[in-house]
Amino acid sequence: MESPDRIGLVNENRNALVVRGGWEGHQPVAATDLFIPYLRDQHFDVRVCDSPEPYADAAYMATVDLIVQCLSMGEITSEQCSGLSAAVSAGTGLAGWHGGIVDSFRNNPDYLHLVGGQFACHPAKPPHEQVDGAQDNCFIPYRVTMLPEAADHPITTGLADFDLVTEQYWVLADDYNDVLATTTHPARAPWHRAVTVPAIWTRSWGAGRVFVATPGHDLNVLRDPSVRTVIERGMAWASR
């Protein structure tokens, strides 16, 4: 098994493409700026773009070893999505967190097929605890629970379950994902029983790897030691 401290360490530089933008509430610039120094420490040359336009450039994408995407609620053309899928199939890694990867291009089923999950909602606090117009109405305490498979995976080895107070994503996913951690939404109206959904997963796509973590709403969450460790290891693991 690869040591998590050695994942991605190489002597020659690789190429990382950071695609960021979309809804500003997810702080796409500050969020990706938090991780760019780590990528450079891992010997990546980093290019930053504010749209998925590079995905349509097949010659360029063939040189990219890792895509880090943080672009919520945006749009993607069919050419861009085809280019992204082709690049991952050929070995380019794709990594992201929260809405920057699972709430990116809602109207493109091919993109959803690639990443393996789609944001459905983040349940709010009970009505009597909410404040009109407050963003933290959807910040609730929840646990990210590591599965047995996580113990031996280089992204999650050595990590215990951890608790957060932030948006708890309910995602629609399929069982092709290799799920490393889950989170459980307790029963409440209008649903009648507790619902467990993936919180951290990987996905093999052709010769490429996809990594997704659903925590990561803002810098406070991304600075949580467990969240930050998972994302850093996930990016390194996904890379060609």
Protein backbone atom coordinates (compact mmCIF):
# COMPACT_ATOMS: atom_id res chain seq x y z
CA MET A 1 0.00 0.00 0.00
CA GLU A 2 1.19 3.50 -0.79
CA SER A 3 2.13 5.62 2.20
CA PRO A 4 -0.22 8.63 2.39
CA ASP A 5 2.77 10.87 2.97
CA ARG A 6 4.37 9.69 -0.27
CA ILE A 7 1.39 9.72 -2.61
CA GLY A 8 2.24 11.75 -5.68
CA LEU A 9 5.85 12.56 -4.78
CA VAL A 10 7.88 12.45 -8.00
CA ASN A 11 11.07 13.98 -9.29
CA GLU A 12 9.63 15.42 -12.50
CA ASN A 13 6.97 18.11 -12.53
CA ARG A 14 3.45 17.25 -13.58
CA ASN A 15 0.68 19.53 -14.80
CA ALA A 16 -2.37 20.48 -12.76
CA LEU A 17 -5.31 22.45 -14.13
CA VAL A 18 -7.41 24.29 -11.53
CA VAL A 19 -10.84 25.24 -12.88
CA ARG A 20 -12.73 27.53 -10.54
CA GLY A 21 -15.66 29.91 -10.51
CA GLY A 22 -19.43 29.75 -10.35
CA TRP A 23 -21.35 30.63 -7.21
CA GLU A 24 -19.24 32.90 -5.01
CA GLY A 25 -20.74 31.52 -1.81
CA HIS A 26 -18.37 28.57 -2.11
CA GLN A 27 -15.37 30.93 -2.23
CA PRO A 28 -13.86 29.26 -5.30
CA VAL A 29 -10.79 31.50 -5.48
CA ALA A 30 -9.90 31.40 -1.80
CA ALA A 31 -10.74 27.70 -1.57
CA THR A 32 -8.45 26.66 -4.42
CA ASP A 33 -5.75 29.09 -3.31
CA LEU A 34 -5.69 27.12 -0.07
CA PHE A 35 -4.56 23.99 -1.94
CA ILE A 36 -2.37 25.37 -4.74
CA PRO A 37 0.72 25.56 -2.49
CA TYR A 38 0.26 21.86 -1.68
CA LEU A 39 0.10 21.02 -5.38
CA ARG A 40 3.29 22.95 -6.04
CA ASP A 41 4.97 21.16 -3.14
CA GLN A 42 3.97 17.92 -4.85
CA HIS A 43 5.83 19.04 -8.00
CA PHE A 44 2.85 20.22 -10.04
CA ASP A 45 3.02 23.11 -12.46
CA VAL A 46 -0.35 24.78 -11.84
CA ARG A 47 -2.54 26.57 -14.39
CA VAL A 48 -5.65 28.35 -13.13
CA CYS A 49 -8.71 29.01 -15.32
CA ASP A 50 -12.07 30.61 -14.53
CA SER A 51 -14.13 28.46 -16.91
CA PRO A 52 -14.20 24.90 -18.29
CA GLU A 53 -13.06 26.19 -21.70
CA PRO A 54 -9.71 24.29 -21.58
CA TYR A 55 -11.59 20.99 -21.44
CA ALA A 56 -12.38 21.34 -25.14
CA ASP A 57 -8.68 21.61 -26.09
CA ALA A 58 -7.72 17.97 -26.63
CA ALA A 59 -4.04 18.67 -27.26
CA TYR A 60 -3.71 20.63 -24.05
CA MET A 61 -5.75 18.18 -21.96
CA ALA A 62 -3.45 15.36 -23.04
CA THR A 63 -0.70 17.15 -21.08
CA VAL A 64 -2.76 17.56 -17.89
CA ASP A 65 -2.16 15.05 -15.10
CA LEU A 66 -4.69 16.40 -12.61
CA ILE A 67 -7.80 18.59 -12.79
CA VAL A 68 -8.95 20.25 -9.58
CA GLN A 69 -12.43 21.64 -10.15
CA CYS A 70 -14.20 24.12 -7.87
CA LEU A 71 -17.00 25.51 -10.03
CA SER A 72 -20.52 25.47 -8.61
CA MET A 73 -23.72 25.80 -10.63
CA GLY A 74 -21.95 26.64 -13.87
CA GLU A 75 -22.55 25.57 -17.43
CA ILE A 76 -20.53 23.34 -19.70
CA THR A 77 -20.81 22.87 -23.46
CA SER A 78 -21.08 19.44 -25.01
CA GLU A 79 -17.59 19.88 -26.49
CA GLN A 80 -16.13 20.79 -23.12
CA CYS A 81 -17.81 17.87 -21.36
CA SER A 82 -16.70 15.44 -24.07
CA GLY A 83 -13.16 16.75 -23.74
CA LEU A 84 -13.21 16.37 -19.96
CA SER A 85 -14.52 12.82 -20.15
CA ALA A 86 -12.00 11.88 -22.83
CA ALA A 87 -9.12 13.29 -20.80
CA VAL A 88 -10.12 11.38 -17.67
CA SER A 89 -10.60 8.19 -19.70
CA ALA A 90 -7.06 8.65 -21.02
CA GLY A 91 -5.58 8.99 -17.52
CA THR A 92 -6.05 12.57 -16.33
CA GLY A 93 -7.20 12.67 -12.71
CA LEU A 94 -10.25 14.67 -11.62
CA ALA A 95 -10.66 15.86 -8.03
CA GLY A 96 -12.96 18.22 -6.20
CA TRP A 97 -15.11 18.89 -3.19
CA HIS A 98 -18.62 19.99 -2.28
CA GLY A 99 -20.62 21.93 -4.86
CA GLY A 100 -17.51 22.58 -6.92
CA ILE A 101 -17.73 19.05 -8.31
CA VAL A 102 -21.16 17.57 -7.43
CA ASP A 103 -23.23 20.68 -8.13
CA SER A 104 -21.34 21.96 -11.15
CA PHE A 105 -23.21 21.28 -14.37
CA ARG A 106 -26.69 20.19 -13.34
CA ASN A 107 -28.08 19.94 -16.85
CA ASN A 108 -25.41 17.67 -18.30
CA PRO A 109 -26.04 13.96 -17.64
CA ASP A 110 -22.68 12.93 -19.13
CA TYR A 111 -20.91 15.04 -16.52
CA LEU A 112 -22.99 13.52 -13.72
CA HIS A 113 -22.16 10.05 -15.06
CA LEU A 114 -18.46 10.88 -14.91
CA VAL A 115 -18.36 12.15 -11.32
CA GLY A 116 -20.82 9.61 -9.92
CA GLY A 117 -23.00 11.88 -7.81
CA GLN A 118 -25.28 14.90 -7.85
CA PHE A 119 -26.15 17.31 -5.06
CA ALA A 120 -29.84 17.04 -4.18
CA CYS A 121 -30.15 19.22 -1.06
CA HIS A 122 -28.64 20.19 2.27
CA PRO A 123 -31.43 19.96 4.84
CA ALA A 124 -31.89 23.02 7.03
CA LYS A 125 -32.25 23.37 10.77
CA PRO A 126 -35.72 22.92 12.23
CA PRO A 127 -37.86 26.01 11.50
CA HIS A 128 -37.84 27.22 15.10
CA GLU A 129 -34.00 27.42 15.00
CA GLN A 130 -33.76 29.38 11.76
CA VAL A 131 -33.17 33.10 11.34
CA ASP A 132 -34.68 34.80 8.30
CA GLY A 133 -32.09 35.12 5.54
CA ALA A 134 -29.20 33.58 7.52
CA GLN A 135 -26.85 31.41 5.48
CA ASP A 136 -26.13 29.23 8.49
CA ASN A 137 -29.73 28.04 8.55
CA CYS A 138 -28.31 25.02 6.72
CA PHE A 139 -25.31 24.57 9.01
CA ILE A 140 -26.06 21.52 11.12
CA PRO A 141 -23.91 19.15 13.19
CA TYR A 142 -23.21 15.84 11.49
CA ARG A 143 -20.67 13.05 11.34
CA VAL A 144 -18.58 11.72 8.48
CA THR A 145 -18.28 7.98 9.09
CA MET A 146 -15.36 6.02 7.68
CA LEU A 147 -16.20 2.66 6.14
CA PRO A 148 -14.04 -0.45 6.66
CA GLU A 149 -12.69 0.04 3.13
CA ALA A 150 -11.23 3.38 4.23
CA ALA A 151 -8.73 1.81 6.60
CA ASP A 152 -6.47 0.55 3.81
CA HIS A 153 -7.06 3.27 1.23
CA PRO A 154 -4.25 5.82 0.81
CA ILE A 155 -6.74 8.71 0.93
CA THR A 156 -8.25 7.77 4.29
CA THR A 157 -5.87 5.41 6.06
CA GLY A 158 -5.34 6.43 9.67
CA LEU A 159 -8.33 8.77 9.75
CA ALA A 160 -11.15 8.35 12.24
CA ASP A 161 -14.76 9.45 11.92
CA PHE A 162 -15.04 13.22 12.26
CA ASP A 163 -17.73 15.76 13.07
CA LEU A 164 -18.57 19.00 11.29
CA VAL A 165 -21.06 21.83 11.63
CA THR A 166 -21.83 22.94 8.09
CA GLU A 167 -23.96 21.93 5.11
CA GLN A 168 -24.62 18.21 5.13
CA TYR A 169 -24.94 17.19 1.50
CA TRP A 170 -27.60 14.74 0.41
CA VAL A 171 -26.30 13.36 -2.88
CA LEU A 172 -27.84 11.08 -5.49
CA ALA A 173 -25.22 8.48 -6.42
CA ASP A 174 -24.74 5.04 -7.96
CA ASP A 175 -23.00 1.91 -6.74
CA TYR A 176 -20.15 2.14 -9.24
CA ASN A 177 -18.52 4.53 -6.77
CA ASP A 178 -15.94 3.14 -4.35
CA VAL A 179 -17.28 4.78 -1.21
CA LEU A 180 -14.80 5.51 1.60
CA ALA A 181 -17.05 7.45 3.98
CA THR A 182 -20.74 8.19 4.44
CA THR A 183 -23.00 10.55 6.33
CA THR A 184 -26.50 9.87 7.62
CA HIS A 185 -29.45 12.23 7.49
CA PRO A 186 -31.80 11.46 10.40
CA ALA A 187 -35.46 10.84 9.78
CA ARG A 188 -37.58 14.00 9.68
CA ALA A 189 -40.48 15.28 7.65
CA PRO A 190 -41.01 14.77 4.79
CA TRP A 191 -38.80 11.63 4.66
CA HIS A 192 -39.72 8.78 6.99
CA ARG A 193 -36.42 7.07 7.80
CA ALA A 194 -32.75 7.84 8.14
CA VAL A 195 -30.88 8.10 4.84
CA THR A 196 -27.17 7.30 4.47
CA VAL A 197 -25.35 8.81 1.49
CA PRO A 198 -21.73 8.88 0.29
CA ALA A 199 -19.52 11.65 1.69
CA ILE A 200 -16.14 10.63 0.22
CA TRP A 201 -15.72 8.41 -2.81
CA THR A 202 -13.50 7.49 -5.73
CA ARG A 203 -14.43 6.34 -9.20
CA SER A 204 -12.40 4.65 -11.91
CA TRP A 205 -13.04 5.99 -15.41
CA GLY A 206 -11.07 4.40 -18.21
CA ALA A 207 -7.43 4.93 -17.31
CA GLY A 208 -8.32 7.85 -15.02
CA ARG A 209 -9.33 8.34 -11.41
CA VAL A 210 -12.04 10.56 -9.93
CA PHE A 211 -12.03 11.75 -6.31
CA VAL A 212 -14.97 13.48 -4.59
CA ALA A 213 -15.45 14.80 -1.05
CA THR A 214 -18.78 16.43 -0.21
CA PRO A 215 -17.61 18.51 2.80
CA GLY A 216 -16.03 21.84 1.83
CA HIS A 217 -18.64 24.60 1.86
CA ASP A 218 -16.19 27.33 2.87
CA LEU A 219 -12.70 27.97 4.18
CA ASN A 220 -13.66 27.09 7.75
CA VAL A 221 -14.62 23.58 6.65
CA LEU A 222 -11.67 23.18 4.29
CA ARG A 223 -9.28 24.07 7.12
CA ASP A 224 -10.64 21.28 9.30
CA PRO A 225 -7.65 18.91 9.66
CA SER A 226 -9.57 15.82 8.53
CA VAL A 227 -11.18 17.54 5.56
CA ARG A 228 -7.94 19.11 4.44
CA THR A 229 -6.06 15.82 4.75
CA VAL A 230 -8.68 13.95 2.73
CA ILE A 231 -8.65 16.55 -0.06
CA GLU A 232 -4.86 16.77 -0.27
CA ARG A 233 -4.49 13.00 -0.37
CA GLY A 234 -7.41 12.73 -2.80
CA MET A 235 -5.85 15.12 -5.28
CA ALA A 236 -2.52 13.31 -5.14
CA TRP A 237 -4.20 9.90 -5.47
CA ALA A 238 -6.30 10.95 -8.48
CA SER A 239 -3.38 12.34 -10.46
CA ARG A 240 -1.93 10.45 -13.39
